[in-house]
Amino acid sequence: MDWQTNIRASVWRVVVLCLVVFGTANPADAQSTGCVAGTPAPDLAELRAHLDGAARPATMHKPAAEACLDCHGDAGKLIGMVKPPQAPPEDGCASAPSRPPFLGSFVNADFPGTIHGQLGCTTCHGGDPAASDMAAHADMKDANDSCTLCHADHVARFETSLHKTLGGMAHALTLRSGEDNFAALDHAWENDCASCHADCGDCHLSLPEAVGGGLIRGHDVMARAPMEDSCALCHGSRAGGEYLGHFEGLEPDIHFEKGMHCLDCHKNDLHGDGTHYDTRWQVADRAQCTDCHKLDLEAAIPIHDVDHADLACQVCHAQPYQNCFDCHTGEEDGKFFRRAGSKELLLKLGRNTDPDYPYGIVTLRNNPVARESFAYLGAGLLPEFDAHPTWKTAAPHNIRRITPQNAACKNCHADPTLFLSPQDLDPNGAAANAGSILTKD
């Protein structure tokens, strides 16, 4: 196929999408709702002839129900064919749901009639729809690459988001390793850190790859990521588990009880805004308690006075949250592993460690990186380890209106165990942790 034919096929593909989604053959008419603009409007008679004739793009020549669904729509076949995905490590950050493995490949019978189903499986996935066996999977492509066909703006912005770039993780690691040593950590980065990044399908279609992947609801493409089957899986060991109340003896976040989804607060920090950020604290328009809770409207509450203005909201309203310590990586039987030395539910208060956070007294969470976390790759790979604290500013997601520490003034002011102290610090930990301790000036 020459370049002119390729361009023509692409134009027709866009036109078909606009017809399916927006009921118009003119992509420009659909610009405001997300269809790709910039292609000319064809004559409707020519369009009908094209859709009924042999010139239809090859990737759309066979409906999914006539090929792919012969296997992917047959639960009986899939049960005998699909192997369980590899479970995430128990000491990792992600948590995998328990469900029959075949569901990860099962496509609902009504999918071909949906907006995305009418595109045909091979439009997004490639492969050979004429094959009747596993040969159909030859020459498949990453379906995420097809999202830009209709959602170009979202995809372009997402490329710079922290969910895509893992910029926050890379920044924190580089601070401790230095630029020169970061390359030496590539093996750990690729086998561990980089396995957590998200693509379109990880939120809108499938379980995240970090927990093994697989379709969530029979290939339903969800405009809003399902919180418990998406967000809370990758962030399961901390924010997700806290928000949903998965930790024994602790209540779920009050916002969850009121029916709020993660995306009700986290908007600009999800798809990105075209800016590269080093940390989540830098994100423009990031979610803040005061977006909804205007303190000037709550002046009748004594603790919301000027004497407490330097306290982050979580200081009074968070419950104990997950802290991980002394994480180590390595290989066993040729496979990469990461293990935390210990985990503990704690609530610790101390000095803010992030200049982009507007409070002085905050909740602190221990980051599990240790001085010897990557010792198996070589000695001295974290030369700047002491310069950066592991007890760092945190924003726990287990908020309650009334907590033990705010039920009475003495519960906070007379309880030294709430505050990070020298006794809480690992003697082999980062020297900078001393700066997180709240002392009287």
Protein backbone atom coordinates (compact mmCIF):
# COMPACT_ATOMS: atom_id res chain seq x y z
CA MET A 1 0.00 0.00 0.00
CA ASP A 2 1.55 3.34 -1.06
CA TRP A 3 1.56 6.48 1.07
CA GLN A 4 -1.43 8.02 -0.72
CA THR A 5 -3.52 4.93 -0.04
CA ASN A 6 -2.38 4.96 3.59
CA ILE A 7 -3.48 8.56 4.01
CA ARG A 8 -6.81 7.86 2.32
CA ALA A 9 -7.42 4.87 4.61
CA SER A 10 -6.65 7.00 7.66
CA VAL A 11 -9.06 9.70 6.51
CA TRP A 12 -11.84 7.16 6.03
CA ARG A 13 -11.11 5.65 9.42
CA VAL A 14 -11.57 9.04 11.08
CA VAL A 15 -14.76 9.66 9.11
CA VAL A 16 -16.17 6.30 10.19
CA LEU A 17 -15.34 7.10 13.79
CA CYS A 18 -17.15 10.42 13.57
CA LEU A 19 -20.21 8.75 12.09
CA VAL A 20 -20.25 6.07 14.76
CA VAL A 21 -19.65 8.39 17.68
CA PHE A 22 -21.16 11.71 16.62
CA GLY A 23 -23.53 10.98 13.74
CA THR A 24 -21.69 13.34 11.40
CA ALA A 25 -19.40 12.76 8.45
CA ASN A 26 -17.63 16.05 9.12
CA PRO A 27 -14.89 15.65 11.76
CA ALA A 28 -14.81 19.43 12.20
CA ASP A 29 -18.39 19.31 13.51
CA ALA A 30 -17.22 16.95 16.25
CA GLN A 31 -14.09 18.82 17.26
CA SER A 32 -15.47 20.06 20.56
CA THR A 33 -16.33 16.54 21.68
CA GLY A 34 -12.98 14.97 20.98
CA CYS A 35 -12.99 13.49 17.47
CA VAL A 36 -9.88 14.17 15.43
CA ALA A 37 -10.33 17.31 13.36
CA GLY A 38 -8.59 18.53 10.25
CA THR A 39 -9.86 16.07 7.62
CA PRO A 40 -12.18 17.23 4.80
CA ALA A 41 -15.87 16.40 4.80
CA PRO A 42 -16.62 13.85 2.04
CA ASP A 43 -19.69 13.69 -0.12
CA LEU A 44 -22.24 11.52 1.73
CA ALA A 45 -23.04 9.45 -1.36
CA GLU A 46 -19.34 8.73 -1.84
CA LEU A 47 -19.05 7.81 1.84
CA ARG A 48 -21.90 5.30 1.63
CA ALA A 49 -20.37 3.73 -1.48
CA HIS A 50 -17.01 3.54 0.24
CA LEU A 51 -18.39 1.82 3.35
CA ASP A 52 -20.25 -0.72 1.21
CA GLY A 53 -17.40 -1.39 -1.19
CA ALA A 54 -14.02 -3.10 -1.28
CA ALA A 55 -12.19 0.12 -0.43
CA ARG A 56 -13.01 -0.17 3.30
CA PRO A 57 -9.76 -0.06 5.33
CA ALA A 58 -8.36 -3.57 5.76
CA THR A 59 -8.22 -3.25 9.55
CA MET A 60 -12.01 -2.94 9.63
CA HIS A 61 -12.95 -5.61 7.12
CA LYS A 62 -14.30 -8.25 9.51
CA PRO A 63 -16.59 -7.68 12.51
CA ALA A 64 -15.19 -8.89 15.82
CA ALA A 65 -18.12 -11.28 16.35
CA GLU A 66 -17.14 -13.29 13.27
CA ALA A 67 -13.59 -14.02 14.39
CA CYS A 68 -12.08 -12.86 17.67
CA LEU A 69 -15.23 -13.60 19.67
CA ASP A 70 -15.14 -17.21 18.55
CA CYS A 71 -12.59 -17.60 21.33
CA HIS A 72 -12.77 -14.43 23.40
CA GLY A 73 -16.54 -14.64 23.70
CA ASP A 74 -16.54 -18.32 24.72
CA ALA A 75 -15.98 -18.66 28.46
CA GLY A 76 -15.62 -22.44 28.19
CA LYS A 77 -12.74 -22.19 25.75
CA LEU A 78 -11.00 -19.47 27.73
CA ILE A 79 -11.20 -21.33 31.03
CA GLY A 80 -9.05 -24.08 29.54
CA MET A 81 -6.67 -21.77 27.71
CA VAL A 82 -5.90 -18.76 29.92
CA LYS A 83 -3.13 -19.07 32.46
CA PRO A 84 -3.32 -17.05 35.68
CA PRO A 85 -1.29 -13.83 35.50
CA GLN A 86 1.78 -13.55 37.68
CA ALA A 87 0.76 -12.17 41.05
CA PRO A 88 2.41 -8.96 42.22
CA PRO A 89 4.91 -9.34 45.06
CA GLU A 90 3.29 -9.38 48.47
CA ASP A 91 5.62 -6.63 49.66
CA GLY A 92 4.97 -4.42 46.65
CA CYS A 93 2.74 -1.35 46.39
CA ALA A 94 0.06 -2.95 44.20
CA SER A 95 -2.60 -5.44 45.28
CA ALA A 96 -4.20 -7.94 42.90
CA PRO A 97 -7.91 -8.81 43.03
CA SER A 98 -9.00 -12.42 43.36
CA ARG A 99 -11.02 -13.55 40.35
CA PRO A 100 -11.08 -16.31 37.69
CA PRO A 101 -8.20 -15.72 35.23
CA PHE A 102 -10.34 -16.27 32.11
CA LEU A 103 -12.25 -13.06 32.83
CA GLY A 104 -9.15 -11.11 31.84
CA SER A 105 -9.62 -12.26 28.24
CA PHE A 106 -13.40 -12.57 28.07
CA VAL A 107 -15.26 -10.15 25.78
CA ASN A 108 -18.99 -9.52 26.19
CA ALA A 109 -21.18 -10.63 23.30
CA ASP A 110 -22.60 -7.12 22.95
CA PHE A 111 -19.20 -5.46 22.56
CA PRO A 112 -19.31 -5.42 18.72
CA GLY A 113 -22.34 -3.14 18.90
CA THR A 114 -20.63 -0.56 21.09
CA ILE A 115 -18.83 2.54 19.80
CA HIS A 116 -15.41 0.94 20.13
CA GLY A 117 -16.63 -2.47 19.02
CA GLN A 118 -17.77 -1.11 15.67
CA LEU A 119 -14.18 -0.23 14.88
CA GLY A 120 -13.29 -3.92 14.70
CA CYS A 121 -10.76 -5.65 16.94
CA THR A 122 -7.84 -5.34 14.54
CA THR A 123 -8.18 -1.57 14.28
CA CYS A 124 -6.71 -1.29 17.78
CA HIS A 125 -5.07 -4.67 18.31
CA GLY A 126 -3.77 -5.69 14.90
CA GLY A 127 -3.47 -9.44 14.37
CA ASP A 128 -5.10 -11.68 11.80
CA PRO A 129 -8.91 -11.96 12.18
CA ALA A 130 -9.05 -14.60 9.44
CA ALA A 131 -7.08 -17.11 11.52
CA SER A 132 -9.07 -19.60 13.58
CA ASP A 133 -6.38 -20.43 16.14
CA MET A 134 -3.61 -18.71 18.09
CA ALA A 135 -2.12 -17.54 14.79
CA ALA A 136 -4.70 -14.74 15.00
CA HIS A 137 -2.36 -13.12 17.54
CA ALA A 138 0.51 -12.74 15.08
CA ASP A 139 1.66 -9.18 14.38
CA MET A 140 -0.46 -7.71 17.14
CA LYS A 141 0.25 -4.17 18.35
CA ASP A 142 -0.19 -2.23 21.56
CA ALA A 143 -3.82 -1.14 21.53
CA ASN A 144 -2.95 1.93 23.61
CA ASP A 145 -1.23 3.36 20.53
CA SER A 146 -4.62 3.58 18.80
CA CYS A 147 -6.22 5.81 21.43
CA THR A 148 -4.70 8.91 19.87
CA LEU A 149 -6.89 8.35 16.78
CA CYS A 150 -9.86 9.85 18.64
CA HIS A 151 -8.41 11.14 21.88
CA ALA A 152 -5.33 12.95 20.63
CA ASP A 153 -5.55 15.78 23.14
CA HIS A 154 -5.84 13.52 26.17
CA VAL A 155 -3.04 11.27 24.96
CA ALA A 156 -0.73 14.20 24.27
CA ARG A 157 -1.23 15.61 27.76
CA PHE A 158 -0.93 12.20 29.39
CA GLU A 159 2.56 11.73 27.92
CA THR A 160 3.89 14.24 30.46
CA SER A 161 1.78 13.15 33.42
CA LEU A 162 3.34 11.58 36.51
CA HIS A 163 1.26 8.44 35.90
CA LYS A 164 2.98 7.99 32.55
CA THR A 165 6.51 9.27 33.21
CA LEU A 166 6.96 8.09 36.80
CA GLY A 167 8.77 11.37 37.20
CA GLY A 168 8.20 11.46 40.94
CA MET A 169 9.88 8.10 41.46
CA ALA A 170 12.73 8.92 39.12
CA HIS A 171 13.30 12.28 40.80
CA ALA A 172 13.40 10.80 44.31
CA LEU A 173 15.78 8.05 43.26
CA THR A 174 18.06 10.38 41.33
CA LEU A 175 18.35 12.69 44.33
CA ARG A 176 19.86 9.81 46.30
CA SER A 177 21.88 8.18 43.54
CA GLY A 178 23.06 11.19 41.59
CA GLU A 179 22.86 11.34 37.80
CA ASP A 180 26.00 9.24 37.31
CA ASN A 181 24.75 6.30 39.39
CA PHE A 182 21.18 6.34 38.16
CA ALA A 183 22.15 4.37 35.04
CA ALA A 184 23.63 1.66 37.27
CA LEU A 185 20.18 1.21 38.81
CA ASP A 186 18.55 0.58 35.44
CA HIS A 187 18.02 -3.13 36.09
CA ALA A 188 16.06 -2.41 39.26
CA TRP A 189 14.24 0.48 37.60
CA GLU A 190 13.04 -1.58 34.64
CA ASN A 191 12.06 -4.62 36.71
CA ASP A 192 10.42 -2.75 39.53
CA CYS A 193 9.70 0.98 39.29
CA ALA A 194 8.92 1.06 35.56
CA SER A 195 6.40 -1.78 35.93
CA CYS A 196 4.02 0.63 37.67
CA HIS A 197 3.45 3.23 34.95
CA ALA A 198 -0.05 3.47 33.53
CA ASP A 199 -1.37 3.51 29.96
CA CYS A 200 -4.88 4.33 28.74
CA GLY A 201 -6.09 0.75 29.02
CA ASP A 202 -4.79 0.35 32.59
CA CYS A 203 -7.50 2.75 33.75
CA HIS A 204 -10.30 2.64 31.19
CA LEU A 205 -10.40 -0.99 30.13
CA SER A 206 -8.17 -3.41 32.01
CA LEU A 207 -6.73 -4.15 35.39
CA PRO A 208 -3.36 -2.39 35.61
CA GLU A 209 -0.38 -4.33 34.28
CA ALA A 210 1.20 -3.90 37.72
CA VAL A 211 -1.29 -6.49 39.03
CA GLY A 212 -1.24 -8.76 35.98
CA GLY A 213 -3.64 -6.96 33.63
CA GLY A 214 -6.77 -8.45 32.08
CA LEU A 215 -10.12 -7.01 31.03
CA ILE A 216 -12.21 -5.64 33.88
CA ARG A 217 -15.75 -5.93 32.49
CA GLY A 218 -15.75 -7.88 29.28
CA HIS A 219 -14.02 -5.17 27.22
CA ASP A 220 -16.32 -2.39 28.39
CA VAL A 221 -14.46 0.86 27.74
CA MET A 222 -15.22 3.02 30.75
CA ALA A 223 -15.07 6.78 30.49
CA ARG A 224 -14.26 6.92 34.21
CA ALA A 225 -11.78 4.46 35.65
CA PRO A 226 -13.48 2.15 38.17
CA MET A 227 -11.93 3.17 41.48
CA GLU A 228 -11.76 -0.20 43.19
CA ASP A 229 -10.60 -2.08 40.07
CA SER A 230 -8.08 0.51 38.92
CA CYS A 231 -6.86 3.30 41.22
CA ALA A 232 -7.01 1.26 44.43
CA LEU A 233 -5.06 -1.64 42.92
CA CYS A 234 -1.89 0.21 41.96
CA HIS A 235 -2.08 2.28 45.14
CA GLY A 236 -3.31 -0.62 47.24
CA SER A 237 -0.69 -0.75 49.96
CA ARG A 238 -1.14 2.88 50.93
CA ALA A 239 -3.69 5.38 49.57
CA GLY A 240 -6.04 2.79 48.07
CA GLY A 241 -6.14 0.57 51.14
CA GLU A 242 -6.49 3.59 53.41
CA TYR A 243 -9.31 5.16 51.40
CA LEU A 244 -11.37 1.96 51.19
CA GLY A 245 -10.77 0.98 54.81
CA HIS A 246 -8.83 -2.21 54.14
CA PHE A 247 -6.64 -1.95 57.23
CA GLU A 248 -7.95 -3.82 60.25
CA GLY A 249 -9.20 -1.63 63.06
CA LEU A 250 -9.35 1.53 60.93
CA GLU A 251 -12.33 3.16 59.25
CA PRO A 252 -12.54 4.02 55.54
CA ASP A 253 -12.09 7.60 54.47
CA ILE A 254 -15.19 9.69 55.13
CA HIS A 255 -15.16 10.85 51.51
CA PHE A 256 -15.43 7.23 50.35
CA GLU A 257 -18.35 6.66 52.70
CA LYS A 258 -20.05 9.68 51.15
CA GLY A 259 -19.71 8.14 47.69
CA MET A 260 -16.78 10.11 46.32
CA HIS A 261 -14.52 8.70 43.59
CA CYS A 262 -10.78 9.38 43.44
CA LEU A 263 -11.39 11.49 40.33
CA ASP A 264 -13.70 13.82 42.20
CA CYS A 265 -10.54 15.32 43.68
CA HIS A 266 -7.67 14.13 41.48
CA LYS A 267 -8.18 15.75 38.09
CA ASN A 268 -5.26 17.70 36.73
CA ASP A 269 -2.72 15.31 38.24
CA LEU A 270 -4.19 12.33 36.40
CA HIS A 271 -4.10 13.07 32.66
CA GLY A 272 -1.51 15.80 33.08
CA ASP A 273 -1.48 19.30 31.70
CA GLY A 274 1.49 19.15 29.32
CA THR A 275 4.02 20.05 32.02
CA HIS A 276 6.76 17.75 33.31
CA TYR A 277 6.68 17.66 37.12
CA ASP A 278 9.25 16.20 39.48
CA THR A 279 6.81 15.57 42.33
CA ARG A 280 3.07 15.42 42.89
CA TRP A 281 3.33 18.45 45.16
CA GLN A 282 4.30 20.60 42.17
CA VAL A 283 1.23 19.77 40.06
CA ALA A 284 -0.79 22.85 39.18
CA ASP A 285 -4.32 22.77 40.59
CA ARG A 286 -3.56 19.62 42.56
CA ALA A 287 -6.30 18.45 44.93
CA GLN A 288 -6.36 20.27 48.27
CA CYS A 289 -8.76 20.03 51.20
CA THR A 290 -9.51 23.72 50.93
CA ASP A 291 -10.90 23.24 47.43
CA CYS A 292 -14.13 22.22 49.18
CA HIS A 293 -13.61 23.05 52.85
CA LYS A 294 -13.30 26.81 53.11
CA LEU A 295 -11.84 27.44 56.54
CA ASP A 296 -13.25 30.97 56.70
CA LEU A 297 -16.71 29.38 56.73
CA GLU A 298 -15.78 27.24 59.74
CA ALA A 299 -14.52 29.95 62.05
CA ALA A 300 -16.87 28.70 64.76
CA ILE A 301 -14.61 25.66 65.19
CA PRO A 302 -11.98 26.79 67.72
CA ILE A 303 -9.14 24.68 66.35
CA HIS A 304 -9.48 26.34 62.93
CA ASP A 305 -7.90 29.48 64.27
CA VAL A 306 -4.71 31.35 63.55
CA ASP A 307 -2.78 29.37 66.17
CA HIS A 308 -3.29 26.20 64.12
CA ALA A 309 -2.97 27.72 60.64
CA ASP A 310 0.40 26.03 60.08
CA LEU A 311 -1.03 22.53 60.57
CA ALA A 312 -1.91 20.42 57.55
CA CYS A 313 -5.49 19.16 57.70
CA GLN A 314 -4.33 15.55 58.03
CA VAL A 315 -2.57 16.32 61.32
CA CYS A 316 -5.96 16.41 63.03
CA HIS A 317 -8.10 14.37 60.63
CA ALA A 318 -5.99 11.36 59.57
CA GLN A 319 -5.96 7.92 61.12
CA PRO A 320 -2.82 5.74 61.36
CA TYR A 321 -1.53 4.82 57.89
CA GLN A 322 0.85 2.34 56.32
CA ASN A 323 4.59 2.89 56.74
CA CYS A 324 7.16 0.61 55.11
CA PHE A 325 10.75 0.19 56.24
CA ASP A 326 14.08 -1.13 54.95
CA CYS A 327 13.13 -2.22 51.43
CA HIS A 328 15.65 -4.43 49.62
CA THR A 329 15.82 -5.68 46.06
CA GLY A 330 17.64 -8.59 44.50
CA GLU A 331 17.25 -11.76 42.45
CA GLU A 332 16.29 -15.30 43.34
CA ASP A 333 16.23 -18.09 40.76
CA GLY A 334 16.84 -15.46 38.10
CA LYS A 335 13.78 -13.42 39.08
CA PHE A 336 13.77 -9.90 40.47
CA PHE A 337 12.29 -9.34 43.92
CA ARG A 338 11.58 -6.44 46.27
CA ARG A 339 10.86 -6.95 49.94
CA ALA A 340 10.09 -4.59 52.76
CA GLY A 341 11.82 -5.35 56.03
CA SER A 342 8.66 -4.43 57.93
CA LYS A 343 5.38 -2.52 57.70
CA GLU A 344 3.54 -0.69 60.45
CA LEU A 345 0.40 1.40 60.82
CA LEU A 346 1.50 4.68 62.38
CA LEU A 347 0.52 8.33 62.62
CA LYS A 348 3.59 10.53 63.02
CA LEU A 349 3.70 14.31 63.01
CA GLY A 350 6.69 16.46 62.22
CA ARG A 351 8.17 19.16 60.02
CA ASN A 352 7.20 19.54 56.39
CA THR A 353 9.89 18.20 54.05
CA ASP A 354 8.55 19.55 50.77
CA PRO A 355 8.90 23.22 49.79
CA ASP A 356 5.84 23.03 47.53
CA TYR A 357 3.52 22.12 50.42
CA PRO A 358 2.04 25.15 52.23
CA TYR A 359 2.12 23.87 55.82
CA GLY A 360 4.87 23.64 58.42
CA ILE A 361 3.55 20.79 60.59
CA VAL A 362 2.44 17.70 58.70
CA THR A 363 1.85 13.97 58.79
CA LEU A 364 5.03 12.07 57.94
CA ARG A 365 5.28 8.68 56.23
CA ASN A 366 8.42 6.60 56.04
CA ASN A 367 9.62 5.91 52.51
CA PRO A 368 11.06 2.38 52.53
CA VAL A 369 14.23 3.06 50.53
CA ALA A 370 17.25 1.99 52.60
CA ARG A 371 20.94 2.72 52.42
CA GLU A 372 21.58 -0.78 51.02
CA SER A 373 18.37 -1.19 48.97
CA PHE A 374 20.33 -1.78 45.75
CA ALA A 375 23.49 -3.32 47.17
CA TYR A 376 23.10 -6.38 44.95
CA LEU A 377 23.82 -4.17 41.92
CA GLY A 378 26.98 -2.70 43.41
CA ALA A 379 28.42 -0.75 46.31
CA GLY A 380 27.82 2.92 47.01
CA LEU A 381 25.05 3.45 44.47
CA LEU A 382 23.18 5.91 46.72
CA PRO A 383 25.96 8.36 47.67
CA GLU A 384 23.47 11.13 48.50
CA PHE A 385 21.33 8.92 50.73
CA ASP A 386 21.99 10.95 53.88
CA ALA A 387 21.05 14.25 52.26
CA HIS A 388 17.36 13.39 51.78
CA PRO A 389 14.91 12.23 54.46
CA THR A 390 12.95 9.02 54.25
CA TRP A 391 10.44 10.36 56.81
CA LYS A 392 8.66 12.66 54.37
CA THR A 393 5.55 14.83 54.10
CA ALA A 394 2.52 12.63 53.43
CA ALA A 395 -1.15 13.09 52.61
CA PRO A 396 -2.95 10.04 54.07
CA HIS A 397 -6.24 9.10 52.44
CA ASN A 398 -8.10 7.91 55.54
CA ILE A 399 -9.73 11.13 56.70
CA ARG A 400 -12.35 11.28 59.45
CA ARG A 401 -14.06 14.31 60.94
CA ILE A 402 -13.43 13.10 64.48
CA THR A 403 -10.19 11.26 65.30
CA PRO A 404 -8.52 10.34 68.58
CA GLN A 405 -6.06 13.22 68.31
CA ASN A 406 -8.70 15.93 67.71
CA ALA A 407 -11.32 14.68 70.16
CA ALA A 408 -9.63 16.72 72.91
CA CYS A 409 -6.74 19.18 73.03
CA LYS A 410 -4.74 17.01 75.43
CA ASN A 411 -4.97 14.04 73.08
CA CYS A 412 -2.50 15.80 70.79
CA HIS A 413 -0.67 18.30 72.96
CA ALA A 414 -0.05 15.81 75.78
CA ASP A 415 0.82 12.77 73.66
CA PRO A 416 4.51 12.77 72.65
CA THR A 417 4.13 9.45 70.82
CA LEU A 418 2.31 11.24 67.99
CA PHE A 419 5.43 13.22 67.12
CA LEU A 420 8.45 11.83 65.31
CA SER A 421 11.29 11.53 67.82
CA PRO A 422 14.96 10.49 67.67
CA GLN A 423 13.91 7.13 69.09
CA ASP A 424 11.78 6.53 65.97
CA LEU A 425 14.74 6.87 63.63
CA ASP A 426 16.77 3.96 62.28
CA PRO A 427 20.41 4.45 63.34
CA ASN A 428 21.42 3.40 59.82
CA GLY A 429 18.80 5.64 58.22
CA ALA A 430 19.27 8.93 56.41
CA ALA A 431 20.90 11.67 58.48
CA ALA A 432 18.40 14.15 56.99
CA ASN A 433 15.60 12.47 58.97
CA ALA A 434 16.67 14.55 61.95
CA GLY A 435 15.26 17.58 60.13
CA SER A 436 11.79 16.02 60.08
CA ILE A 437 11.63 16.03 63.88
CA LEU A 438 9.52 18.83 65.30
CA THR A 439 11.53 20.70 67.94
CA LYS A 440 10.74 23.80 69.96
CA ASP A 441 12.57 26.80 68.55
